[in-house]
Amino acid sequence: MAETRVTLYFRDGCHLCDEARRVVVAECDRAGAAWQEVDVDTDGELRARYGEYVPVVEVDGTVQGFWQIDPVRLRTALAG
């Protein structure tokens, strides 16, 4: 099993999160990268950290974007 490289922080009912998920799925499929998603509302610390910035996408622990996820930036981060 591949190590998870991408984390999508989201919350239910967030339309930007739905769009970010589509970008993450497409780019991770392209790169053969494993990904996971984490609902920030299930953890008070995450909710405090990310607040209204969701969706947030990290690659290898580094934030690559929030709100509207740029597929080119994500692709570049996955290639590195």
C-alpha atoms as a PDB file:
ATOM      1  CA  MET A   1       0.000   0.000   0.000  1.00  0.00           C
ATOM      2  CA  ALA A   2       1.325   3.428  -0.960  1.00  0.00           C
ATOM      3  CA  GLU A   3       2.069   5.955   1.756  1.00  0.00           C
ATOM      4  CA  THR A   4      -0.612   8.642   1.981  1.00  0.00           C
ATOM      5  CA  ARG A   5       0.826  11.848   0.517  1.00  0.00           C
ATOM      6  CA  VAL A   6      -2.257  14.034   0.195  1.00  0.00           C
ATOM      7  CA  THR A   7      -4.695  15.104   2.887  1.00  0.00           C
ATOM      8  CA  LEU A   8      -7.904  16.961   2.131  1.00  0.00           C
ATOM      9  CA  TYR A   9      -9.319  18.784   5.150  1.00  0.00           C
ATOM     10  CA  PHE A  10     -13.026  19.398   4.594  1.00  0.00           C
ATOM     11  CA  ARG A  11     -16.402  19.839   6.251  1.00  0.00           C
ATOM     12  CA  ASP A  12     -19.792  18.471   5.285  1.00  0.00           C
ATOM     13  CA  GLY A  13     -22.035  20.757   3.276  1.00  0.00           C
ATOM     14  CA  CYS A  14     -19.123  22.719   1.803  1.00  0.00           C
ATOM     15  CA  HIS A  15     -19.450  23.133  -1.984  1.00  0.00           C
ATOM     16  CA  LEU A  16     -15.794  24.195  -2.307  1.00  0.00           C
ATOM     17  CA  CYS A  17     -14.849  20.980  -0.501  1.00  0.00           C
ATOM     18  CA  ASP A  18     -16.778  18.953  -3.076  1.00  0.00           C
ATOM     19  CA  GLU A  19     -14.884  20.669  -5.895  1.00  0.00           C
ATOM     20  CA  ALA A  20     -11.556  20.220  -4.078  1.00  0.00           C
ATOM     21  CA  ARG A  21     -12.299  16.499  -3.704  1.00  0.00           C
ATOM     22  CA  ARG A  22     -12.769  16.205  -7.484  1.00  0.00           C
ATOM     23  CA  VAL A  23      -9.403  17.924  -8.066  1.00  0.00           C
ATOM     24  CA  VAL A  24      -7.645  15.751  -5.470  1.00  0.00           C
ATOM     25  CA  VAL A  25      -9.096  12.536  -6.884  1.00  0.00           C
ATOM     26  CA  ALA A  26      -8.136  13.449 -10.459  1.00  0.00           C
ATOM     27  CA  GLU A  27      -4.591  14.541  -9.625  1.00  0.00           C
ATOM     28  CA  CYS A  28      -3.901  11.672  -7.225  1.00  0.00           C
ATOM     29  CA  ASP A  29      -5.166   9.186  -9.807  1.00  0.00           C
ATOM     30  CA  ARG A  30      -2.891  10.792 -12.408  1.00  0.00           C
ATOM     31  CA  ALA A  31       0.128  10.610 -10.064  1.00  0.00           C
ATOM     32  CA  GLY A  32      -0.709   7.246  -8.486  1.00  0.00           C
ATOM     33  CA  ALA A  33      -0.669   8.943  -5.076  1.00  0.00           C
ATOM     34  CA  ALA A  34      -2.637   7.836  -2.036  1.00  0.00           C
ATOM     35  CA  TRP A  35      -4.864  10.399  -0.342  1.00  0.00           C
ATOM     36  CA  GLN A  36      -7.132  10.740   2.661  1.00  0.00           C
ATOM     37  CA  GLU A  37      -9.756  13.175   3.815  1.00  0.00           C
ATOM     38  CA  VAL A  38     -10.316  14.539   7.304  1.00  0.00           C
ATOM     39  CA  ASP A  39     -13.489  16.262   8.505  1.00  0.00           C
ATOM     40  CA  VAL A  40     -12.272  19.269  10.520  1.00  0.00           C
ATOM     41  CA  ASP A  41     -15.534  19.356  12.469  1.00  0.00           C
ATOM     42  CA  THR A  42     -14.710  16.041  14.163  1.00  0.00           C
ATOM     43  CA  ASP A  43     -11.722  17.538  16.002  1.00  0.00           C
ATOM     44  CA  GLY A  44     -11.716  20.808  17.946  1.00  0.00           C
ATOM     45  CA  GLU A  45      -8.017  21.438  17.254  1.00  0.00           C
ATOM     46  CA  LEU A  46      -8.480  21.004  13.494  1.00  0.00           C
ATOM     47  CA  ARG A  47     -11.595  23.177  13.534  1.00  0.00           C
ATOM     48  CA  ALA A  48      -9.609  25.913  15.336  1.00  0.00           C
ATOM     49  CA  ARG A  49      -6.623  25.555  12.983  1.00  0.00           C
ATOM     50  CA  TYR A  50      -8.511  25.550   9.675  1.00  0.00           C
ATOM     51  CA  GLY A  51     -11.727  27.377  10.620  1.00  0.00           C
ATOM     52  CA  GLU A  52     -13.176  28.958   7.500  1.00  0.00           C
ATOM     53  CA  TYR A  53     -10.177  28.095   5.305  1.00  0.00           C
ATOM     54  CA  VAL A  54     -11.565  24.706   4.274  1.00  0.00           C
ATOM     55  CA  PRO A  55     -11.002  23.006   2.024  1.00  0.00           C
ATOM     56  CA  VAL A  56      -7.290  22.748   2.713  1.00  0.00           C
ATOM     57  CA  VAL A  57      -5.009  20.390   0.796  1.00  0.00           C
ATOM     58  CA  GLU A  58      -1.638  19.239   2.096  1.00  0.00           C
ATOM     59  CA  VAL A  59       0.972  17.250   0.200  1.00  0.00           C
ATOM     60  CA  ASP A  60       3.585  15.538   2.348  1.00  0.00           C
ATOM     61  CA  GLY A  61       2.537  17.737   5.281  1.00  0.00           C
ATOM     62  CA  THR A  62       2.838  21.066   3.427  1.00  0.00           C
ATOM     63  CA  VAL A  63      -0.245  23.142   2.642  1.00  0.00           C
ATOM     64  CA  GLN A  64      -0.640  23.482  -1.104  1.00  0.00           C
ATOM     65  CA  GLY A  65      -3.862  25.444  -1.155  1.00  0.00           C
ATOM     66  CA  PHE A  66      -7.155  26.332   0.453  1.00  0.00           C
ATOM     67  CA  TRP A  67     -10.634  27.381  -0.694  1.00  0.00           C
ATOM     68  CA  GLN A  68     -10.110  26.788  -4.421  1.00  0.00           C
ATOM     69  CA  ILE A  69      -7.535  24.099  -5.130  1.00  0.00           C
ATOM     70  CA  ASP A  70      -5.325  24.694  -8.166  1.00  0.00           C
ATOM     71  CA  PRO A  71      -4.856  21.390 -10.024  1.00  0.00           C
ATOM     72  CA  VAL A  72      -1.566  22.552 -11.595  1.00  0.00           C
ATOM     73  CA  ARG A  73      -0.088  23.439  -8.204  1.00  0.00           C
ATOM     74  CA  LEU A  74      -1.218  20.084  -6.790  1.00  0.00           C
ATOM     75  CA  ARG A  75       0.209  18.227  -9.807  1.00  0.00           C
ATOM     76  CA  THR A  76       3.530  20.034  -9.382  1.00  0.00           C
ATOM     77  CA  ALA A  77       3.680  19.220  -5.675  1.00  0.00           C
ATOM     78  CA  LEU A  78       2.971  15.547  -6.390  1.00  0.00           C
ATOM     79  CA  ALA A  79       5.723  15.443  -8.994  1.00  0.00           C
ATOM     80  CA  GLY A  80       8.309  16.749  -6.524  1.00  0.00           C
END
